[in-house]
Amino acid sequence: MFAVCTDLVFTFFICSAIVDPEMHGIIDAPISNVARSNLIVVAQILQVMALRKFQEIDAKMCYLNKHFSKVSHAMIAYLNYK
């Protein structure tokens, strides 16, 4: 049940705001196609990270999971520093 709620929140709110920030009133400037493509990748990475405890990771994203597992302690230390 928690996985479904997490997936819904990420899909309909967080990821949609990342991919299309103009529609949600986050920014006023237009976004180029390259920037939008990069935002889509960022949204996919965040969604995979949020759901990795609940579902199997897609094969094309496995390399990211290995990378984040290696550097997660550094990311947590950075976030806790402020």
PDB file of N, CA and C in Angstrom:
ATOM      1  N   MET A   1       0.824  -1.200   0.000  1.00  0.00           N
ATOM      2  CA  MET A   1       0.000   0.000   0.000  1.00  0.00           C
ATOM      3  C   MET A   1       0.867   1.262   0.000  1.00  0.00           C
ATOM      4  N   PHE A   2       1.944   1.231   0.803  1.00  0.00           N
ATOM      5  CA  PHE A   2       2.828   2.389   0.861  1.00  0.00           C
ATOM      6  C   PHE A   2       3.495   2.626  -0.481  1.00  0.00           C
ATOM      7  N   ALA A   3       3.823   1.539  -1.194  1.00  0.00           N
ATOM      8  CA  ALA A   3       4.451   1.663  -2.509  1.00  0.00           C
ATOM      9  C   ALA A   3       3.511   2.337  -3.499  1.00  0.00           C
ATOM     10  N   VAL A   4       2.249   1.998  -3.443  1.00  0.00           N
ATOM     11  CA  VAL A   4       1.271   2.597  -4.356  1.00  0.00           C
ATOM     12  C   VAL A   4       1.138   4.096  -4.073  1.00  0.00           C
ATOM     13  N   CYS A   5       1.062   4.468  -2.815  1.00  0.00           N
ATOM     14  CA  CYS A   5       0.957   5.884  -2.449  1.00  0.00           C
ATOM     15  C   CYS A   5       2.201   6.657  -2.870  1.00  0.00           C
ATOM     16  N   THR A   6       3.359   6.064  -2.628  1.00  0.00           N
ATOM     17  CA  THR A   6       4.614   6.705  -3.029  1.00  0.00           C
ATOM     18  C   THR A   6       4.663   6.894  -4.534  1.00  0.00           C
ATOM     19  N   ASP A   7       4.277   5.866  -5.274  1.00  0.00           N
ATOM     20  CA  ASP A   7       4.281   5.942  -6.731  1.00  0.00           C
ATOM     21  C   ASP A   7       3.322   7.016  -7.230  1.00  0.00           C
ATOM     22  N   LEU A   8       2.140   7.084  -6.648  1.00  0.00           N
ATOM     23  CA  LEU A   8       1.164   8.095  -7.062  1.00  0.00           C
ATOM     24  C   LEU A   8       1.648   9.514  -6.786  1.00  0.00           C
ATOM     25  N   VAL A   9       2.200   9.737  -5.607  1.00  0.00           N
ATOM     26  CA  VAL A   9       2.692  11.072  -5.262  1.00  0.00           C
ATOM     27  C   VAL A   9       3.826  11.482  -6.195  1.00  0.00           C
ATOM     28  N   PHE A  10       4.771  10.572  -6.414  1.00  0.00           N
ATOM     29  CA  PHE A  10       5.888  10.902  -7.302  1.00  0.00           C
ATOM     30  C   PHE A  10       5.423  11.111  -8.733  1.00  0.00           C
ATOM     31  N   THR A  11       4.560  10.239  -9.234  1.00  0.00           N
ATOM     32  CA  THR A  11       4.130  10.333 -10.627  1.00  0.00           C
ATOM     33  C   THR A  11       3.306  11.585 -10.889  1.00  0.00           C
ATOM     34  N   PHE A  12       2.325  11.851 -10.045  1.00  0.00           N
ATOM     35  CA  PHE A  12       1.384  12.932 -10.341  1.00  0.00           C
ATOM     36  C   PHE A  12       1.780  14.298  -9.800  1.00  0.00           C
ATOM     37  N   PHE A  13       2.651  14.350  -8.810  1.00  0.00           N
ATOM     38  CA  PHE A  13       2.996  15.643  -8.227  1.00  0.00           C
ATOM     39  C   PHE A  13       4.466  16.006  -8.431  1.00  0.00           C
ATOM     40  N   ILE A  14       5.351  15.227  -7.873  1.00  0.00           N
ATOM     41  CA  ILE A  14       6.767  15.587  -7.883  1.00  0.00           C
ATOM     42  C   ILE A  14       7.357  15.502  -9.288  1.00  0.00           C
ATOM     43  N   CYS A  15       7.211  14.352  -9.934  1.00  0.00           N
ATOM     44  CA  CYS A  15       7.806  14.185 -11.268  1.00  0.00           C
ATOM     45  C   CYS A  15       7.157  15.100 -12.307  1.00  0.00           C
ATOM     46  N   SER A  16       5.871  15.282 -12.221  1.00  0.00           N
ATOM     47  CA  SER A  16       5.227  16.176 -13.195  1.00  0.00           C
ATOM     48  C   SER A  16       5.675  17.619 -12.997  1.00  0.00           C
ATOM     49  N   ALA A  17       5.926  18.025 -11.764  1.00  0.00           N
ATOM     50  CA  ALA A  17       6.425  19.382 -11.513  1.00  0.00           C
ATOM     51  C   ALA A  17       7.863  19.537 -11.986  1.00  0.00           C
ATOM     52  N   ILE A  18       8.655  18.481 -11.888  1.00  0.00           N
ATOM     53  CA  ILE A  18      10.038  18.536 -12.364  1.00  0.00           C
ATOM     54  C   ILE A  18      10.069  18.598 -13.890  1.00  0.00           C
ATOM     55  N   VAL A  19       9.283  17.762 -14.540  1.00  0.00           N
ATOM     56  CA  VAL A  19       9.309  17.667 -15.998  1.00  0.00           C
ATOM     57  C   VAL A  19       8.671  18.886 -16.663  1.00  0.00           C
ATOM     58  N   ASP A  20       7.620  19.440 -16.081  1.00  0.00           N
ATOM     59  CA  ASP A  20       6.904  20.566 -16.685  1.00  0.00           C
ATOM     60  C   ASP A  20       6.677  21.674 -15.656  1.00  0.00           C
ATOM     61  N   PRO A  21       7.757  22.357 -15.258  1.00  0.00           N
ATOM     62  CA  PRO A  21       7.612  23.366 -14.203  1.00  0.00           C
ATOM     63  C   PRO A  21       6.805  24.596 -14.612  1.00  0.00           C
ATOM     64  N   GLU A  22       6.724  24.884 -15.921  1.00  0.00           N
ATOM     65  CA  GLU A  22       5.934  26.035 -16.348  1.00  0.00           C
ATOM     66  C   GLU A  22       4.461  25.823 -16.046  1.00  0.00           C
ATOM     67  N   MET A  23       3.975  24.620 -16.283  1.00  0.00           N
ATOM     68  CA  MET A  23       2.560  24.315 -16.077  1.00  0.00           C
ATOM     69  C   MET A  23       2.158  24.443 -14.602  1.00  0.00           C
ATOM     70  N   HIS A  24       3.108  24.182 -13.704  1.00  0.00           N
ATOM     71  CA  HIS A  24       2.824  24.230 -12.273  1.00  0.00           C
ATOM     72  C   HIS A  24       3.175  25.583 -11.652  1.00  0.00           C
ATOM     73  N   GLY A  25       3.584  26.540 -12.474  1.00  0.00           N
ATOM     74  CA  GLY A  25       3.874  27.881 -11.979  1.00  0.00           C
ATOM     75  C   GLY A  25       5.186  27.990 -11.226  1.00  0.00           C
ATOM     76  N   ILE A  26       6.091  27.053 -11.436  1.00  0.00           N
ATOM     77  CA  ILE A  26       7.369  27.085 -10.720  1.00  0.00           C
ATOM     78  C   ILE A  26       8.317  28.078 -11.373  1.00  0.00           C
ATOM     79  N   ILE A  27       8.313  28.125 -12.701  1.00  0.00           N
ATOM     80  CA  ILE A  27       9.140  29.087 -13.432  1.00  0.00           C
ATOM     81  C   ILE A  27       8.305  29.739 -14.527  1.00  0.00           C
ATOM     82  N   ASP A  28       8.796  30.887 -14.996  1.00  0.00           N
ATOM     83  CA  ASP A  28       8.106  31.597 -16.074  1.00  0.00           C
ATOM     84  C   ASP A  28       8.828  31.458 -17.407  1.00  0.00           C
ATOM     85  N   ALA A  29      10.110  31.157 -17.367  1.00  0.00           N
ATOM     86  CA  ALA A  29      10.915  31.076 -18.587  1.00  0.00           C
ATOM     87  C   ALA A  29      10.658  29.766 -19.320  1.00  0.00           C
ATOM     88  N   PRO A  30      10.725  29.803 -20.645  1.00  0.00           N
ATOM     89  CA  PRO A  30      10.559  28.556 -21.404  1.00  0.00           C
ATOM     90  C   PRO A  30      11.776  27.647 -21.222  1.00  0.00           C
ATOM     91  N   ILE A  31      11.552  26.353 -21.337  1.00  0.00           N
ATOM     92  CA  ILE A  31      12.609  25.363 -21.172  1.00  0.00           C
ATOM     93  C   ILE A  31      12.916  24.756 -22.541  1.00  0.00           C
ATOM     94  N   SER A  32      14.202  24.645 -22.849  1.00  0.00           N
ATOM     95  CA  SER A  32      14.600  24.075 -24.140  1.00  0.00           C
ATOM     96  C   SER A  32      14.345  22.570 -24.144  1.00  0.00           C
ATOM     97  N   ASN A  33      14.368  21.989 -25.334  1.00  0.00           N
ATOM     98  CA  ASN A  33      14.154  20.544 -25.456  1.00  0.00           C
ATOM     99  C   ASN A  33      15.233  19.746 -24.747  1.00  0.00           C
ATOM    100  N   VAL A  34      16.469  20.221 -24.801  1.00  0.00           N
ATOM    101  CA  VAL A  34      17.570  19.528 -24.123  1.00  0.00           C
ATOM    102  C   VAL A  34      17.378  19.590 -22.606  1.00  0.00           C
ATOM    103  N   ALA A  35      17.022  20.759 -22.109  1.00  0.00           N
ATOM    104  CA  ALA A  35      16.795  20.901 -20.670  1.00  0.00           C
ATOM    105  C   ALA A  35      15.620  20.027 -20.215  1.00  0.00           C
ATOM    106  N   ARG A  36      14.566  19.981 -21.015  1.00  0.00           N
ATOM    107  CA  ARG A  36      13.416  19.147 -20.650  1.00  0.00           C
ATOM    108  C   ARG A  36      13.796  17.666 -20.637  1.00  0.00           C
ATOM    109  N   SER A  37      14.616  17.268 -21.581  1.00  0.00           N
ATOM    110  CA  SER A  37      15.089  15.887 -21.607  1.00  0.00           C
ATOM    111  C   SER A  37      15.890  15.576 -20.348  1.00  0.00           C
ATOM    112  N   ASN A  38      16.725  16.500 -19.920  1.00  0.00           N
ATOM    113  CA  ASN A  38      17.490  16.315 -18.688  1.00  0.00           C
ATOM    114  C   ASN A  38      16.573  16.263 -17.468  1.00  0.00           C
ATOM    115  N   LEU A  39      15.544  17.078 -17.457  1.00  0.00           N
ATOM    116  CA  LEU A  39      14.592  17.061 -16.344  1.00  0.00           C
ATOM    117  C   LEU A  39      13.832  15.736 -16.278  1.00  0.00           C
ATOM    118  N   ILE A  40      13.545  15.162 -17.420  1.00  0.00           N
ATOM    119  CA  ILE A  40      12.878  13.850 -17.447  1.00  0.00           C
ATOM    120  C   ILE A  40      13.767  12.791 -16.821  1.00  0.00           C
ATOM    121  N   VAL A  41      15.060  12.836 -17.120  1.00  0.00           N
ATOM    122  CA  VAL A  41      15.999  11.870 -16.534  1.00  0.00           C
ATOM    123  C   VAL A  41      16.093  12.069 -15.022  1.00  0.00           C
ATOM    124  N   VAL A  42      16.141  13.323 -14.580  1.00  0.00           N
ATOM    125  CA  VAL A  42      16.181  13.605 -13.136  1.00  0.00           C
ATOM    126  C   VAL A  42      14.937  13.045 -12.453  1.00  0.00           C
ATOM    127  N   ALA A  43      13.778  13.257 -13.048  1.00  0.00           N
ATOM    128  CA  ALA A  43      12.529  12.742 -12.471  1.00  0.00           C
ATOM    129  C   ALA A  43      12.537  11.216 -12.409  1.00  0.00           C
ATOM    130  N   GLN A  44      13.056  10.575 -13.452  1.00  0.00           N
ATOM    131  CA  GLN A  44      13.136   9.109 -13.440  1.00  0.00           C
ATOM    132  C   GLN A  44      14.058   8.616 -12.337  1.00  0.00           C
ATOM    133  N   ILE A  45      15.189   9.270 -12.167  1.00  0.00           N
ATOM    134  CA  ILE A  45      16.134   8.866 -11.123  1.00  0.00           C
ATOM    135  C   ILE A  45      15.503   9.014  -9.745  1.00  0.00           C
ATOM    136  N   LEU A  46      14.845  10.130  -9.498  1.00  0.00           N
ATOM    137  CA  LEU A  46      14.195  10.332  -8.194  1.00  0.00           C
ATOM    138  C   LEU A  46      13.105   9.296  -7.939  1.00  0.00           C
ATOM    139  N   GLN A  47      12.349   8.966  -8.974  1.00  0.00           N
ATOM    140  CA  GLN A  47      11.286   7.984  -8.809  1.00  0.00           C
ATOM    141  C   GLN A  47      11.863   6.598  -8.520  1.00  0.00           C
ATOM    142  N   VAL A  48      12.928   6.231  -9.198  1.00  0.00           N
ATOM    143  CA  VAL A  48      13.571   4.939  -8.949  1.00  0.00           C
ATOM    144  C   VAL A  48      14.117   4.889  -7.522  1.00  0.00           C
ATOM    145  N   MET A  49      14.738   5.984  -7.085  1.00  0.00           N
ATOM    146  CA  MET A  49      15.281   6.019  -5.724  1.00  0.00           C
ATOM    147  C   MET A  49      14.176   5.907  -4.682  1.00  0.00           C
ATOM    148  N   ALA A  50      13.051   6.538  -4.943  1.00  0.00           N
ATOM    149  CA  ALA A  50      11.952   6.512  -3.984  1.00  0.00           C
ATOM    150  C   ALA A  50      11.290   5.142  -3.904  1.00  0.00           C
ATOM    151  N   LEU A  51      11.264   4.416  -5.017  1.00  0.00           N
ATOM    152  CA  LEU A  51      10.531   3.152  -5.063  1.00  0.00           C
ATOM    153  C   LEU A  51      11.422   1.914  -4.996  1.00  0.00           C
ATOM    154  N   ARG A  52      12.725   2.080  -4.854  1.00  0.00           N
ATOM    155  CA  ARG A  52      13.611   0.920  -4.916  1.00  0.00           C
ATOM    156  C   ARG A  52      13.404  -0.074  -3.793  1.00  0.00           C
ATOM    157  N   LYS A  53      12.830   0.345  -2.679  1.00  0.00           N
ATOM    158  CA  LYS A  53      12.534  -0.592  -1.582  1.00  0.00           C
ATOM    159  C   LYS A  53      11.305  -1.448  -1.878  1.00  0.00           C
ATOM    160  N   PHE A  54      10.457  -0.986  -2.777  1.00  0.00           N
ATOM    161  CA  PHE A  54       9.167  -1.621  -2.985  1.00  0.00           C
ATOM    162  C   PHE A  54       9.041  -2.405  -4.280  1.00  0.00           C
ATOM    163  N   GLN A  55       9.849  -2.115  -5.257  1.00  0.00           N
ATOM    164  CA  GLN A  55       9.726  -2.800  -6.534  1.00  0.00           C
ATOM    165  C   GLN A  55      11.093  -2.994  -7.162  1.00  0.00           C
ATOM    166  N   GLU A  56      11.153  -3.930  -8.092  1.00  0.00           N
ATOM    167  CA  GLU A  56      12.403  -4.230  -8.775  1.00  0.00           C
ATOM    168  C   GLU A  56      12.788  -3.055  -9.674  1.00  0.00           C
ATOM    169  N   ILE A  57      14.055  -2.776  -9.704  1.00  0.00           N
ATOM    170  CA  ILE A  57      14.556  -1.652 -10.488  1.00  0.00           C
ATOM    171  C   ILE A  57      14.699  -2.071 -11.942  1.00  0.00           C
ATOM    172  N   ASP A  58      14.284  -1.192 -12.825  1.00  0.00           N
ATOM    173  CA  ASP A  58      14.404  -1.423 -14.256  1.00  0.00           C
ATOM    174  C   ASP A  58      15.879  -1.601 -14.616  1.00  0.00           C
ATOM    175  N   ALA A  59      16.175  -2.502 -15.534  1.00  0.00           N
ATOM    176  CA  ALA A  59      17.559  -2.822 -15.897  1.00  0.00           C
ATOM    177  C   ALA A  59      18.348  -1.603 -16.362  1.00  0.00           C
ATOM    178  N   LYS A  60      17.684  -0.682 -17.057  1.00  0.00           N
ATOM    179  CA  LYS A  60      18.409   0.496 -17.546  1.00  0.00           C
ATOM    180  C   LYS A  60      18.772   1.470 -16.432  1.00  0.00           C
ATOM    181  N   MET A  61      18.184   1.305 -15.261  1.00  0.00           N
ATOM    182  CA  MET A  61      18.488   2.174 -14.130  1.00  0.00           C
ATOM    183  C   MET A  61      19.369   1.495 -13.076  1.00  0.00           C
ATOM    184  N   CYS A  62      19.708   0.243 -13.257  1.00  0.00           N
ATOM    185  CA  CYS A  62      20.499  -0.487 -12.260  1.00  0.00           C
ATOM    186  C   CYS A  62      21.857   0.152 -12.011  1.00  0.00           C
ATOM    187  N   TYR A  63      22.478   0.669 -13.045  1.00  0.00           N
ATOM    188  CA  TYR A  63      23.792   1.277 -12.860  1.00  0.00           C
ATOM    189  C   TYR A  63      23.713   2.468 -11.907  1.00  0.00           C
ATOM    190  N   LEU A  64      22.610   3.190 -11.923  1.00  0.00           N
ATOM    191  CA  LEU A  64      22.440   4.317 -11.006  1.00  0.00           C
ATOM    192  C   LEU A  64      22.289   3.843  -9.569  1.00  0.00           C
ATOM    193  N   ASN A  65      21.578   2.752  -9.377  1.00  0.00           N
ATOM    194  CA  ASN A  65      21.387   2.214  -8.037  1.00  0.00           C
ATOM    195  C   ASN A  65      22.728   1.842  -7.417  1.00  0.00           C
ATOM    196  N   LYS A  66      23.604   1.219  -8.205  1.00  0.00           N
ATOM    197  CA  LYS A  66      24.933   0.863  -7.707  1.00  0.00           C
ATOM    198  C   LYS A  66      25.719   2.114  -7.349  1.00  0.00           C
ATOM    199  N   HIS A  67      25.611   3.144  -8.168  1.00  0.00           N
ATOM    200  CA  HIS A  67      26.325   4.390  -7.906  1.00  0.00           C
ATOM    201  C   HIS A  67      25.800   5.057  -6.637  1.00  0.00           C
ATOM    202  N   PHE A  68      24.489   5.134  -6.473  1.00  0.00           N
ATOM    203  CA  PHE A  68      23.924   5.787  -5.302  1.00  0.00           C
ATOM    204  C   PHE A  68      24.202   5.004  -4.027  1.00  0.00           C
ATOM    205  N   SER A  69      24.285   3.688  -4.127  1.00  0.00           N
ATOM    206  CA  SER A  69      24.626   2.891  -2.954  1.00  0.00           C
ATOM    207  C   SER A  69      26.038   3.206  -2.482  1.00  0.00           C
ATOM    208  N   LYS A  70      26.939   3.480  -3.419  1.00  0.00           N
ATOM    209  CA  LYS A  70      28.325   3.787  -3.073  1.00  0.00           C
ATOM    210  C   LYS A  70      28.465   5.166  -2.432  1.00  0.00           C
ATOM    211  N   VAL A  71      27.689   6.130  -2.906  1.00  0.00           N
ATOM    212  CA  VAL A  71      27.865   7.513  -2.451  1.00  0.00           C
ATOM    213  C   VAL A  71      26.754   7.989  -1.515  1.00  0.00           C
ATOM    214  N   SER A  72      25.879   7.102  -1.099  1.00  0.00           N
ATOM    215  CA  SER A  72      24.742   7.535  -0.278  1.00  0.00           C
ATOM    216  C   SER A  72      25.189   8.145   1.043  1.00  0.00           C
ATOM    217  N   HIS A  73      26.244   7.606   1.654  1.00  0.00           N
ATOM    218  CA  HIS A  73      26.713   8.171   2.920  1.00  0.00           C
ATOM    219  C   HIS A  73      27.203   9.604   2.736  1.00  0.00           C
ATOM    220  N   ALA A  74      27.844   9.896   1.619  1.00  0.00           N
ATOM    221  CA  ALA A  74      28.306  11.255   1.349  1.00  0.00           C
ATOM    222  C   ALA A  74      27.127  12.198   1.107  1.00  0.00           C
ATOM    223  N   MET A  75      26.099  11.709   0.400  1.00  0.00           N
ATOM    224  CA  MET A  75      24.921  12.547   0.148  1.00  0.00           C
ATOM    225  C   MET A  75      24.188  12.848   1.447  1.00  0.00           C
ATOM    226  N   ILE A  76      24.052  11.853   2.312  1.00  0.00           N
ATOM    227  CA  ILE A  76      23.381  12.052   3.597  1.00  0.00           C
ATOM    228  C   ILE A  76      24.168  13.021   4.465  1.00  0.00           C
ATOM    229  N   ALA A  77      25.495  12.868   4.500  1.00  0.00           N
ATOM    230  CA  ALA A  77      26.334  13.793   5.274  1.00  0.00           C
ATOM    231  C   ALA A  77      26.196  15.218   4.761  1.00  0.00           C
ATOM    232  N   TYR A  78      26.136  15.382   3.436  1.00  0.00           N
ATOM    233  CA  TYR A  78      25.978  16.720   2.863  1.00  0.00           C
ATOM    234  C   TYR A  78      24.628  17.321   3.238  1.00  0.00           C
ATOM    235  N   LEU A  79      23.574  16.538   3.144  1.00  0.00           N
ATOM    236  CA  LEU A  79      22.235  17.039   3.462  1.00  0.00           C
ATOM    237  C   LEU A  79      22.087  17.354   4.935  1.00  0.00           C
ATOM    238  N   ASN A  80      22.736  16.601   5.804  1.00  0.00           N
ATOM    239  CA  ASN A  80      22.661  16.838   7.244  1.00  0.00           C
ATOM    240  C   ASN A  80      23.552  17.981   7.688  1.00  0.00           C
ATOM    241  N   TYR A  81      24.510  18.387   6.868  1.00  0.00           N
ATOM    242  CA  TYR A  81      25.440  19.448   7.218  1.00  0.00           C
ATOM    243  C   TYR A  81      24.725  20.779   7.393  1.00  0.00           C
ATOM    244  N   LYS A  82      23.780  21.068   6.550  1.00  0.00           N
ATOM    245  CA  LYS A  82      23.074  22.354   6.574  1.00  0.00           C
ATOM    246  C   LYS A  82      22.036  22.278   7.613  1.00  0.00           C
TER     247      LYS A  82
END
